[in-house]
C-alpha atoms as a PDB file:
ATOM      1  CA  UNK A   1       5.879   1.852   0.532  1.00  0.00           C
ATOM      2  CA  UNK A   2       7.362  -1.348  -0.816  1.00  0.00           C
ATOM      3  CA  UNK A   3      10.584  -2.909   0.288  1.00  0.00           C
ATOM      4  CA  UNK A   4      13.601  -1.487  -1.509  1.00  0.00           C
ATOM      5  CA  UNK A   5      13.489  -2.410  -5.195  1.00  0.00           C
ATOM      6  CA  UNK A   6       9.944  -3.728  -5.054  1.00  0.00           C
ATOM      7  CA  UNK A   7       6.719  -2.314  -6.374  1.00  0.00           C
ATOM      8  CA  UNK A   8       3.514  -2.815  -4.420  1.00  0.00           C
ATOM      9  CA  UNK A   9       1.556  -5.652  -5.981  1.00  0.00           C
ATOM     10  CA  UNK A  10      -1.679  -3.665  -6.139  1.00  0.00           C
ATOM     11  CA  UNK A  11      -0.276  -1.099  -8.595  1.00  0.00           C
ATOM     12  CA  UNK A  12      -0.073  -1.472 -12.337  1.00  0.00           C
ATOM     13  CA  UNK A  13      -2.088  -3.621 -14.676  1.00  0.00           C
ATOM     14  CA  UNK A  14      -3.628  -6.982 -13.938  1.00  0.00           C
ATOM     15  CA  UNK A  15      -4.158  -5.935 -10.328  1.00  0.00           C
ATOM     16  CA  UNK A  16      -6.676  -8.551  -9.259  1.00  0.00           C
ATOM     17  CA  UNK A  17      -4.451 -11.446 -10.295  1.00  0.00           C
ATOM     18  CA  UNK A  18      -1.500 -10.173  -8.282  1.00  0.00           C
ATOM     19  CA  UNK A  19      -2.985  -9.443  -4.878  1.00  0.00           C
ATOM     20  CA  UNK A  20      -4.268 -11.623  -2.063  1.00  0.00           C
ATOM     21  CA  UNK A  21      -7.650 -10.804  -0.617  1.00  0.00           C
ATOM     22  CA  UNK A  22      -7.954 -10.963   3.134  1.00  0.00           C
ATOM     23  CA  UNK A  23     -10.671 -10.066   5.599  1.00  0.00           C
ATOM     24  CA  UNK A  24     -10.409  -8.642   9.091  1.00  0.00           C
ATOM     25  CA  UNK A  25     -12.988  -7.643  11.664  1.00  0.00           C
ATOM     26  CA  UNK A  26     -12.814  -4.003  12.739  1.00  0.00           C
ATOM     27  CA  UNK A  27     -14.580  -2.257  15.546  1.00  0.00           C
ATOM     28  CA  UNK A  28     -16.904   0.440  14.156  1.00  0.00           C
ATOM     29  CA  UNK A  29     -14.844   3.268  15.687  1.00  0.00           C
ATOM     30  CA  UNK A  30     -11.651   1.993  14.028  1.00  0.00           C
ATOM     31  CA  UNK A  31     -13.410   1.563  10.685  1.00  0.00           C
ATOM     32  CA  UNK A  32     -14.685   5.145  10.877  1.00  0.00           C
ATOM     33  CA  UNK A  33     -11.241   6.477  11.861  1.00  0.00           C
ATOM     34  CA  UNK A  34      -9.658   4.667   8.903  1.00  0.00           C
ATOM     35  CA  UNK A  35     -12.258   6.093   6.538  1.00  0.00           C
ATOM     36  CA  UNK A  36     -11.660   9.636   7.859  1.00  0.00           C
ATOM     37  CA  UNK A  37      -7.862   9.408   7.536  1.00  0.00           C
ATOM     38  CA  UNK A  38      -8.125   7.938   4.051  1.00  0.00           C
ATOM     39  CA  UNK A  39     -10.423  10.771   2.988  1.00  0.00           C
ATOM     40  CA  UNK A  40      -8.039  13.351   4.494  1.00  0.00           C
ATOM     41  CA  UNK A  41      -5.209  11.879   2.418  1.00  0.00           C
ATOM     42  CA  UNK A  42      -7.352  11.585  -0.712  1.00  0.00           C
ATOM     43  CA  UNK A  43      -7.055   7.804  -1.046  1.00  0.00           C
ATOM     44  CA  UNK A  44      -9.402   4.880  -0.607  1.00  0.00           C
ATOM     45  CA  UNK A  45      -9.637   3.174   2.749  1.00  0.00           C
ATOM     46  CA  UNK A  46      -8.084   0.041   1.224  1.00  0.00           C
ATOM     47  CA  UNK A  47      -5.130   2.060  -0.112  1.00  0.00           C
ATOM     48  CA  UNK A  48      -4.655   3.753   3.258  1.00  0.00           C
ATOM     49  CA  UNK A  49      -4.652   0.388   5.042  1.00  0.00           C
ATOM     50  CA  UNK A  50      -2.120  -1.066   2.553  1.00  0.00           C
ATOM     51  CA  UNK A  51       0.194   1.925   2.978  1.00  0.00           C
ATOM     52  CA  UNK A  52      -0.070   1.741   6.752  1.00  0.00           C
ATOM     53  CA  UNK A  53       0.682  -1.980   6.780  1.00  0.00           C
ATOM     54  CA  UNK A  54       3.701  -1.507   4.462  1.00  0.00           C
ATOM     55  CA  UNK A  55       5.014   1.088   6.874  1.00  0.00           C
ATOM     56  CA  UNK A  56       4.559  -1.254   9.812  1.00  0.00           C
ATOM     57  CA  UNK A  57       6.344  -4.214   8.247  1.00  0.00           C
ATOM     58  CA  UNK A  58       9.226  -2.264   6.711  1.00  0.00           C
ATOM     59  CA  UNK A  59      10.305  -0.085   9.638  1.00  0.00           C
ATOM     60  CA  UNK A  60      13.086  -1.424  11.862  1.00  0.00           C
ATOM     61  CA  UNK A  61      12.090  -3.515  14.844  1.00  0.00           C
ATOM     62  CA  UNK A  62      12.236  -1.809  18.211  1.00  0.00           C
ATOM     63  CA  UNK A  63      14.721  -3.301  20.644  1.00  0.00           C
ATOM     64  CA  UNK A  64      13.201  -5.406  23.396  1.00  0.00           C
ATOM     65  CA  UNK A  65      13.479  -3.886  26.839  1.00  0.00           C
ATOM     66  CA  UNK A  66      14.878  -6.098  29.559  1.00  0.00           C
ATOM     67  CA  UNK A  67      13.426  -5.033  32.872  1.00  0.00           C
ATOM     68  CA  UNK A  68      15.495  -5.570  36.007  1.00  0.00           C
ATOM     69  CA  UNK A  69      18.570  -6.829  34.187  1.00  0.00           C
ATOM     70  CA  UNK A  70      21.038  -4.050  34.851  1.00  0.00           C
ATOM     71  CA  UNK A  71      24.114  -3.367  36.895  1.00  0.00           C
ATOM     72  CA  UNK A  72      24.156  -0.486  39.335  1.00  0.00           C
ATOM     73  CA  UNK A  73      27.959  -0.305  39.141  1.00  0.00           C
ATOM     74  CA  UNK A  74      28.377  -0.832  42.882  1.00  0.00           C
END
């Protein structure tokens, strides 16, 4: 799920030279849920995480709600 006109860096040849390794700490329940979803989709957990992150960073931002800043029209 790359940005328009881009190819994910982890695909193709020479993969290890074109990706950045990062580490995160996951709670065991989240790690297990990621593994289950990845298996359901037939991909590795790493691939599932990359796809999910691409989706998160490429979807439009949600508008910020402003609470209490409205006019009642009266």
